[in-house]
C-alpha cells in the first residue's frame, strides 16, 4: 500500500496540472502551497492529510 506520493504526481492525479512538465513549472514558479507553505520541490513526498493549494483550489491527500 502506498503511503506517500510525490507532489508533481499528485498535481497530475488531481487534474491541477495536465502534464509532469506543467506541474514542474507551477511548482518552480512558487504557485503551489503544501500545508500553508510555498513548496518548490517537485519531489516533495506527500502523506495522508496533507493540504495542497493551487490557485483557489485546495486538495487533501487521501491515499
N, C-alpha and C. Protein backbone atom coordinates (compact mmCIF):
# COMPACT_ATOMS: atom_id res chain seq x y z
N UNK A 1 0.83 -1.19 0.00
CA UNK A 1 0.00 0.00 0.00
C UNK A 1 0.88 1.25 0.00
N UNK A 2 0.56 2.19 -0.86
CA UNK A 2 1.33 3.42 -0.97
C UNK A 2 0.97 4.36 0.17
N UNK A 3 2.00 4.88 0.84
CA UNK A 3 1.76 5.80 1.94
C UNK A 3 2.18 7.23 1.62
N UNK A 4 2.91 7.41 0.49
CA UNK A 4 3.30 8.75 0.05
C UNK A 4 3.14 8.85 -1.46
N UNK A 5 3.09 10.09 -1.94
CA UNK A 5 3.06 10.37 -3.37
C UNK A 5 3.85 11.65 -3.58
N UNK A 6 4.55 11.73 -4.70
CA UNK A 6 5.31 12.94 -4.99
C UNK A 6 4.36 14.06 -5.41
N UNK A 7 4.75 15.28 -5.07
CA UNK A 7 3.92 16.45 -5.33
C UNK A 7 3.55 16.57 -6.80
N UNK A 8 4.50 16.41 -7.72
CA UNK A 8 4.18 16.57 -9.14
C UNK A 8 3.19 15.50 -9.61
N UNK A 9 3.33 14.28 -9.10
CA UNK A 9 2.40 13.21 -9.46
C UNK A 9 1.00 13.50 -8.91
N UNK A 10 0.94 14.04 -7.70
CA UNK A 10 -0.34 14.37 -7.09
C UNK A 10 -1.06 15.45 -7.90
N UNK A 11 -0.33 16.47 -8.35
CA UNK A 11 -0.95 17.54 -9.14
C UNK A 11 -1.54 16.99 -10.44
N UNK A 12 -0.85 16.05 -11.07
CA UNK A 12 -1.39 15.42 -12.28
C UNK A 12 -2.62 14.58 -11.95
N UNK A 13 -2.56 13.81 -10.89
CA UNK A 13 -3.66 12.95 -10.48
C UNK A 13 -4.93 13.76 -10.20
N UNK A 14 -4.77 14.92 -9.59
CA UNK A 14 -5.92 15.77 -9.23
C UNK A 14 -6.40 16.64 -10.39
N UNK A 15 -5.65 16.64 -11.50
CA UNK A 15 -6.04 17.44 -12.65
C UNK A 15 -5.63 18.90 -12.54
N UNK A 16 -4.81 19.22 -11.55
CA UNK A 16 -4.34 20.61 -11.39
C UNK A 16 -3.26 20.92 -12.42
N UNK A 17 -2.60 19.88 -12.93
CA UNK A 17 -1.59 20.03 -13.98
C UNK A 17 -1.87 18.97 -15.04
N UNK A 18 -1.76 19.35 -16.30
CA UNK A 18 -2.06 18.41 -17.39
C UNK A 18 -0.92 17.45 -17.65
N UNK A 19 0.32 17.89 -17.38
CA UNK A 19 1.50 17.04 -17.63
C UNK A 19 2.50 17.22 -16.49
N UNK A 20 3.48 16.33 -16.47
CA UNK A 20 4.54 16.47 -15.47
C UNK A 20 5.32 17.75 -15.67
N UNK A 21 5.51 18.14 -16.92
CA UNK A 21 6.22 19.39 -17.21
C UNK A 21 5.46 20.60 -16.70
N UNK A 22 4.14 20.58 -16.87
CA UNK A 22 3.31 21.68 -16.38
C UNK A 22 3.37 21.75 -14.86
N UNK A 23 3.36 20.59 -14.21
CA UNK A 23 3.46 20.54 -12.75
C UNK A 23 4.79 21.12 -12.29
N UNK A 24 5.87 20.75 -12.98
CA UNK A 24 7.20 21.24 -12.65
C UNK A 24 7.26 22.76 -12.71
N UNK A 25 6.71 23.34 -13.78
CA UNK A 25 6.71 24.79 -13.95
C UNK A 25 5.92 25.47 -12.84
N UNK A 26 4.74 24.94 -12.52
CA UNK A 26 3.91 25.51 -11.46
C UNK A 26 4.64 25.50 -10.12
N UNK A 27 5.28 24.37 -9.82
CA UNK A 27 5.97 24.21 -8.54
C UNK A 27 7.16 25.16 -8.47
N UNK A 28 7.98 25.19 -9.52
CA UNK A 28 9.18 26.04 -9.52
C UNK A 28 8.83 27.53 -9.51
N UNK A 29 7.64 27.88 -10.02
CA UNK A 29 7.21 29.29 -10.04
C UNK A 29 6.64 29.73 -8.69
N UNK A 30 6.56 28.81 -7.73
CA UNK A 30 6.05 29.16 -6.41
C UNK A 30 4.54 29.27 -6.36
N UNK A 31 3.85 28.56 -7.26
CA UNK A 31 2.39 28.63 -7.33
C UNK A 31 1.69 27.54 -6.51
N UNK A 32 2.48 26.69 -5.86
CA UNK A 32 1.90 25.55 -5.13
C UNK A 32 2.26 25.66 -3.64
N UNK A 33 1.26 25.51 -2.81
CA UNK A 33 1.43 25.55 -1.36
C UNK A 33 1.15 24.17 -0.79
N UNK A 34 1.96 23.74 0.16
CA UNK A 34 1.72 22.49 0.87
C UNK A 34 1.68 22.83 2.36
N UNK A 35 0.55 22.52 2.98
CA UNK A 35 0.38 22.79 4.41
C UNK A 35 0.74 24.23 4.76
N UNK A 36 0.20 25.18 4.00
CA UNK A 36 0.35 26.62 4.24
C UNK A 36 1.74 27.18 4.01
N UNK A 37 2.60 26.47 3.27
CA UNK A 37 3.92 26.97 2.91
C UNK A 37 4.17 26.75 1.43
N UNK A 38 4.80 27.73 0.78
CA UNK A 38 5.15 27.56 -0.64
C UNK A 38 6.12 26.40 -0.76
N UNK A 39 5.87 25.53 -1.72
CA UNK A 39 6.73 24.36 -1.94
C UNK A 39 7.32 24.43 -3.34
N UNK A 40 8.64 24.39 -3.45
CA UNK A 40 9.30 24.47 -4.75
C UNK A 40 10.02 23.18 -5.13
N UNK A 41 9.84 22.13 -4.35
CA UNK A 41 10.45 20.83 -4.66
C UNK A 41 9.39 19.91 -5.25
N UNK A 42 9.55 19.57 -6.52
CA UNK A 42 8.53 18.73 -7.15
C UNK A 42 8.53 17.32 -6.61
N UNK A 43 9.63 16.89 -6.02
CA UNK A 43 9.72 15.55 -5.47
C UNK A 43 9.26 15.46 -4.03
N UNK A 44 8.73 16.54 -3.50
CA UNK A 44 8.24 16.57 -2.11
C UNK A 44 7.27 15.41 -1.90
N UNK A 45 7.50 14.62 -0.86
CA UNK A 45 6.64 13.48 -0.56
C UNK A 45 5.42 13.97 0.24
N UNK A 46 4.26 13.62 -0.24
CA UNK A 46 3.01 13.97 0.44
C UNK A 46 2.45 12.74 1.12
N UNK A 47 1.82 12.95 2.27
CA UNK A 47 1.20 11.87 3.03
C UNK A 47 -0.27 12.18 3.26
N UNK A 48 -1.01 11.20 3.72
CA UNK A 48 -2.43 11.39 4.04
C UNK A 48 -2.62 12.62 4.92
N UNK A 49 -3.60 13.44 4.56
CA UNK A 49 -3.94 14.60 5.35
C UNK A 49 -3.24 15.88 4.94
N UNK A 50 -2.18 15.77 4.12
CA UNK A 50 -1.50 16.99 3.65
C UNK A 50 -2.47 17.81 2.80
N UNK A 51 -2.35 19.12 2.90
CA UNK A 51 -3.19 20.05 2.13
C UNK A 51 -2.34 20.68 1.04
N UNK A 52 -2.81 20.59 -0.21
CA UNK A 52 -2.11 21.16 -1.35
C UNK A 52 -3.02 22.22 -1.97
N UNK A 53 -2.50 23.44 -2.09
CA UNK A 53 -3.29 24.54 -2.65
C UNK A 53 -2.65 25.03 -3.93
N UNK A 54 -3.47 25.14 -4.97
CA UNK A 54 -3.04 25.67 -6.27
C UNK A 54 -4.10 26.68 -6.67
N UNK A 55 -3.72 27.95 -6.77
CA UNK A 55 -4.71 28.98 -7.08
C UNK A 55 -5.75 29.02 -5.99
N UNK A 56 -7.02 28.91 -6.37
CA UNK A 56 -8.11 28.94 -5.40
C UNK A 56 -8.55 27.55 -4.97
N UNK A 57 -7.92 26.51 -5.53
CA UNK A 57 -8.31 25.14 -5.21
C UNK A 57 -7.41 24.54 -4.13
N UNK A 58 -8.01 23.84 -3.20
CA UNK A 58 -7.26 23.13 -2.16
C UNK A 58 -7.63 21.65 -2.24
N UNK A 59 -6.60 20.82 -2.23
CA UNK A 59 -6.78 19.38 -2.30
C UNK A 59 -6.22 18.75 -1.03
N UNK A 60 -6.90 17.74 -0.52
CA UNK A 60 -6.41 16.99 0.63
C UNK A 60 -5.93 15.63 0.16
N UNK A 61 -4.72 15.27 0.55
CA UNK A 61 -4.16 13.99 0.15
C UNK A 61 -4.85 12.87 0.91
N UNK A 62 -5.38 11.89 0.16
CA UNK A 62 -6.02 10.71 0.73
C UNK A 62 -5.58 9.50 -0.09
N UNK A 63 -4.59 8.79 0.41
CA UNK A 63 -4.03 7.66 -0.33
C UNK A 63 -4.62 6.35 0.14
